[in-house]
């Protein structure tokens, strides 16, 4: 969770408007590695093996007004960026 909050704070400090936003840590609940993939005592190999689970994902959504309605916003594009 700390990595996700730090990434959000960095983007905000660079002028990125993030409203509304939701910050969640997902590494423990949704790991990319398999349970038996990175075994053994803590070592540089195990740390490197677990690196994919230490990620920050940004879901970036662009909205555009609906020209046929009361100015309601509709999703124009949706991207998932994994870092």
N, C-alpha and C. Protein backbone atom coordinates (compact mmCIF):
# COMPACT_ATOMS: atom_id res chain seq x y z
N UNK A 1 0.83 -1.20 0.00
CA UNK A 1 0.00 0.00 0.00
C UNK A 1 0.87 1.26 0.00
N UNK A 2 2.00 1.22 0.70
CA UNK A 2 2.88 2.39 0.75
C UNK A 2 3.37 2.77 -0.64
N UNK A 3 3.67 1.78 -1.47
CA UNK A 3 4.17 2.05 -2.83
C UNK A 3 3.08 2.75 -3.64
N UNK A 4 1.84 2.31 -3.52
CA UNK A 4 0.73 2.91 -4.26
C UNK A 4 0.49 4.35 -3.83
N UNK A 5 0.53 4.60 -2.52
CA UNK A 5 0.33 5.96 -2.00
C UNK A 5 1.48 6.87 -2.46
N UNK A 6 2.71 6.36 -2.40
CA UNK A 6 3.86 7.15 -2.84
C UNK A 6 3.76 7.50 -4.33
N UNK A 7 3.31 6.55 -5.14
CA UNK A 7 3.15 6.82 -6.57
C UNK A 7 2.09 7.88 -6.81
N UNK A 8 0.97 7.79 -6.09
CA UNK A 8 -0.09 8.79 -6.24
C UNK A 8 0.42 10.16 -5.82
N UNK A 9 1.12 10.24 -4.69
CA UNK A 9 1.63 11.53 -4.22
C UNK A 9 2.65 12.11 -5.19
N UNK A 10 3.45 11.28 -5.81
CA UNK A 10 4.42 11.76 -6.80
C UNK A 10 3.69 12.38 -7.99
N UNK A 11 2.69 11.67 -8.52
CA UNK A 11 1.96 12.19 -9.67
C UNK A 11 1.26 13.49 -9.34
N UNK A 12 0.66 13.59 -8.16
CA UNK A 12 0.00 14.83 -7.75
C UNK A 12 1.01 15.95 -7.64
N UNK A 13 2.22 15.65 -7.13
CA UNK A 13 3.26 16.69 -7.00
C UNK A 13 3.72 17.20 -8.36
N UNK A 14 3.52 16.40 -9.41
CA UNK A 14 3.90 16.80 -10.77
C UNK A 14 2.75 17.44 -11.52
N UNK A 15 1.62 17.66 -10.82
CA UNK A 15 0.51 18.38 -11.44
C UNK A 15 -0.59 17.51 -12.03
N UNK A 16 -0.51 16.20 -11.84
CA UNK A 16 -1.56 15.32 -12.36
C UNK A 16 -2.77 15.43 -11.44
N UNK A 17 -3.92 15.75 -12.02
CA UNK A 17 -5.15 15.81 -11.23
C UNK A 17 -5.69 14.40 -11.09
N UNK A 18 -5.91 14.01 -9.87
CA UNK A 18 -6.38 12.65 -9.62
C UNK A 18 -7.63 12.70 -8.76
N UNK A 19 -8.72 13.11 -9.37
CA UNK A 19 -9.96 13.16 -8.62
C UNK A 19 -11.08 12.66 -9.50
N UNK A 20 -11.86 11.74 -9.13
CA UNK A 20 -11.71 10.96 -7.90
C UNK A 20 -10.60 9.94 -8.08
N UNK A 21 -10.06 9.45 -7.00
CA UNK A 21 -9.03 8.43 -7.08
C UNK A 21 -9.23 7.41 -5.97
N UNK A 22 -8.67 6.25 -6.21
CA UNK A 22 -8.74 5.16 -5.25
C UNK A 22 -7.36 4.52 -5.22
N UNK A 23 -6.77 4.40 -4.06
CA UNK A 23 -5.45 3.80 -3.92
C UNK A 23 -5.61 2.50 -3.14
N UNK A 24 -5.11 1.40 -3.72
CA UNK A 24 -5.19 0.10 -3.05
C UNK A 24 -3.87 -0.64 -3.23
N UNK A 25 -3.47 -1.36 -2.21
CA UNK A 25 -2.35 -2.29 -2.34
C UNK A 25 -2.90 -3.63 -2.79
N UNK A 26 -2.35 -4.22 -3.85
CA UNK A 26 -2.90 -5.46 -4.39
C UNK A 26 -1.91 -6.61 -4.38
N UNK A 27 -0.67 -6.36 -4.01
CA UNK A 27 0.37 -7.39 -4.10
C UNK A 27 0.05 -8.63 -3.30
N UNK A 28 -0.46 -8.49 -2.08
CA UNK A 28 -0.77 -9.65 -1.25
C UNK A 28 -2.04 -10.35 -1.70
N UNK A 29 -3.06 -9.58 -2.10
CA UNK A 29 -4.34 -10.18 -2.48
C UNK A 29 -4.35 -10.69 -3.92
N UNK A 30 -3.60 -10.06 -4.80
CA UNK A 30 -3.60 -10.43 -6.21
C UNK A 30 -2.18 -10.55 -6.74
N UNK A 31 -1.40 -11.51 -6.21
CA UNK A 31 -0.02 -11.63 -6.67
C UNK A 31 0.05 -12.13 -8.12
N UNK A 32 1.10 -11.73 -8.80
CA UNK A 32 1.33 -12.21 -10.16
C UNK A 32 2.17 -13.48 -10.14
N UNK A 33 2.92 -13.69 -9.07
CA UNK A 33 3.73 -14.90 -8.96
C UNK A 33 2.88 -16.03 -8.38
N UNK A 34 3.30 -17.26 -8.67
CA UNK A 34 2.60 -18.43 -8.14
C UNK A 34 3.10 -18.71 -6.72
N UNK A 35 2.27 -19.31 -5.85
CA UNK A 35 2.66 -19.52 -4.45
C UNK A 35 3.97 -20.28 -4.26
N UNK A 36 4.28 -21.24 -5.10
CA UNK A 36 5.51 -22.03 -4.93
C UNK A 36 6.66 -21.55 -5.82
N UNK A 37 6.50 -20.40 -6.44
CA UNK A 37 7.48 -19.92 -7.41
C UNK A 37 8.71 -19.30 -6.75
N UNK A 38 8.55 -18.60 -5.64
CA UNK A 38 9.65 -17.84 -5.01
C UNK A 38 9.86 -18.36 -3.59
N UNK A 39 10.46 -19.52 -3.48
CA UNK A 39 10.61 -20.15 -2.17
C UNK A 39 12.03 -20.03 -1.66
N UNK A 40 12.18 -20.35 -0.40
CA UNK A 40 13.49 -20.35 0.22
C UNK A 40 13.66 -19.16 1.14
N UNK A 41 14.81 -19.14 1.83
CA UNK A 41 15.07 -18.00 2.73
C UNK A 41 15.24 -16.71 1.93
N UNK A 42 15.00 -15.61 2.59
CA UNK A 42 15.13 -14.31 1.93
C UNK A 42 16.53 -14.17 1.35
N UNK A 43 16.58 -13.92 0.08
CA UNK A 43 17.84 -13.73 -0.64
C UNK A 43 17.58 -12.79 -1.80
N UNK A 44 18.63 -12.37 -2.46
CA UNK A 44 18.44 -11.48 -3.61
C UNK A 44 17.65 -12.17 -4.71
N UNK A 45 17.79 -13.50 -4.84
CA UNK A 45 17.02 -14.24 -5.86
C UNK A 45 15.53 -14.25 -5.53
N UNK A 46 15.19 -14.47 -4.27
CA UNK A 46 13.79 -14.49 -3.86
C UNK A 46 13.18 -13.09 -4.00
N UNK A 47 13.93 -12.07 -3.60
CA UNK A 47 13.46 -10.69 -3.72
C UNK A 47 13.20 -10.34 -5.18
N UNK A 48 14.10 -10.72 -6.06
CA UNK A 48 13.92 -10.45 -7.49
C UNK A 48 12.75 -11.26 -8.06
N UNK A 49 12.59 -12.48 -7.58
CA UNK A 49 11.48 -13.32 -8.04
C UNK A 49 10.13 -12.69 -7.68
N UNK A 50 10.04 -12.07 -6.52
CA UNK A 50 8.80 -11.45 -6.05
C UNK A 50 8.56 -10.05 -6.62
N UNK A 51 9.48 -9.53 -7.40
CA UNK A 51 9.38 -8.16 -7.93
C UNK A 51 8.06 -7.89 -8.68
N UNK A 52 7.54 -8.83 -9.46
CA UNK A 52 6.27 -8.54 -10.16
C UNK A 52 5.11 -8.23 -9.22
N UNK A 53 5.19 -8.74 -7.98
CA UNK A 53 4.11 -8.48 -7.02
C UNK A 53 4.23 -7.09 -6.40
N UNK A 54 5.41 -6.47 -6.49
CA UNK A 54 5.60 -5.11 -5.97
C UNK A 54 5.38 -4.14 -7.13
N UNK A 55 4.13 -3.95 -7.44
CA UNK A 55 3.78 -3.15 -8.62
C UNK A 55 2.77 -2.08 -8.24
N UNK A 56 2.67 -1.11 -9.10
CA UNK A 56 1.63 -0.09 -8.99
C UNK A 56 0.90 -0.10 -10.31
N UNK A 57 -0.41 -0.20 -10.25
CA UNK A 57 -1.23 -0.18 -11.45
C UNK A 57 -2.08 1.08 -11.44
N UNK A 58 -2.11 1.75 -12.58
CA UNK A 58 -2.94 2.94 -12.74
C UNK A 58 -4.02 2.62 -13.76
N UNK A 59 -5.24 2.87 -13.41
CA UNK A 59 -6.33 2.78 -14.37
C UNK A 59 -6.65 4.20 -14.77
N UNK A 60 -6.38 4.52 -16.01
CA UNK A 60 -6.55 5.89 -16.50
C UNK A 60 -7.79 5.92 -17.40
N UNK A 61 -8.73 6.78 -17.04
CA UNK A 61 -9.99 6.85 -17.76
C UNK A 61 -10.18 8.27 -18.29
N UNK A 62 -10.45 8.37 -19.57
CA UNK A 62 -10.81 9.65 -20.18
C UNK A 62 -12.31 9.68 -20.36
N UNK A 63 -12.90 10.79 -19.98
CA UNK A 63 -14.34 10.95 -20.16
C UNK A 63 -14.60 12.03 -21.19
N UNK A 64 -15.71 11.90 -21.86
CA UNK A 64 -16.14 12.95 -22.77
C UNK A 64 -17.63 13.17 -22.57
N UNK A 65 -18.09 14.38 -22.76
CA UNK A 65 -19.52 14.64 -22.63
C UNK A 65 -20.29 13.92 -23.73
N UNK A 66 -21.45 13.44 -23.38
CA UNK A 66 -22.33 12.82 -24.35
C UNK A 66 -23.04 13.93 -25.11
N UNK A 67 -22.85 13.96 -26.41
CA UNK A 67 -23.43 15.03 -27.22
C UNK A 67 -24.94 14.89 -27.38
N UNK A 68 -25.48 13.71 -27.05
CA UNK A 68 -26.89 13.47 -27.26
C UNK A 68 -27.70 13.47 -25.96
N UNK A 69 -27.05 13.75 -24.84
CA UNK A 69 -27.75 13.72 -23.55
C UNK A 69 -27.56 15.06 -22.85
N UNK A 70 -27.77 15.07 -21.57
CA UNK A 70 -27.71 16.30 -20.78
C UNK A 70 -26.29 16.63 -20.33
N UNK A 71 -25.30 16.40 -21.15
CA UNK A 71 -23.92 16.66 -20.76
C UNK A 71 -23.34 15.60 -19.86
N UNK A 72 -24.00 14.44 -19.78
CA UNK A 72 -23.48 13.35 -18.95
C UNK A 72 -22.12 12.90 -19.50
N UNK A 73 -21.26 12.44 -18.61
CA UNK A 73 -19.94 11.98 -19.03
C UNK A 73 -19.96 10.49 -19.32
N UNK A 74 -19.29 10.10 -20.40
CA UNK A 74 -19.18 8.70 -20.77
C UNK A 74 -17.72 8.38 -21.02
N UNK A 75 -17.35 7.14 -20.71
CA UNK A 75 -15.96 6.73 -20.90
C UNK A 75 -15.61 6.81 -22.38
N UNK A 76 -14.52 7.51 -22.67
CA UNK A 76 -14.02 7.62 -24.04
C UNK A 76 -12.92 6.58 -24.26
N UNK A 77 -11.96 6.49 -23.33
CA UNK A 77 -10.86 5.54 -23.41
C UNK A 77 -10.51 5.06 -22.02
N UNK A 78 -10.01 3.85 -21.92
CA UNK A 78 -9.62 3.27 -20.64
C UNK A 78 -8.28 2.56 -20.85
N UNK A 79 -7.30 2.87 -20.01
CA UNK A 79 -5.98 2.25 -20.08
C UNK A 79 -5.61 1.70 -18.71
N UNK A 80 -4.88 0.60 -18.69
CA UNK A 80 -4.28 0.08 -17.47
C UNK A 80 -2.78 0.12 -17.65
N UNK A 81 -2.10 0.83 -16.77
CA UNK A 81 -0.65 0.96 -16.82
C UNK A 81 -0.08 0.24 -15.62
N UNK A 82 0.77 -0.72 -15.84
CA UNK A 82 1.39 -1.47 -14.75
C UNK A 82 2.86 -1.09 -14.67
N UNK A 83 3.29 -0.68 -13.49
CA UNK A 83 4.68 -0.26 -13.27
C UNK A 83 5.28 -1.05 -12.14
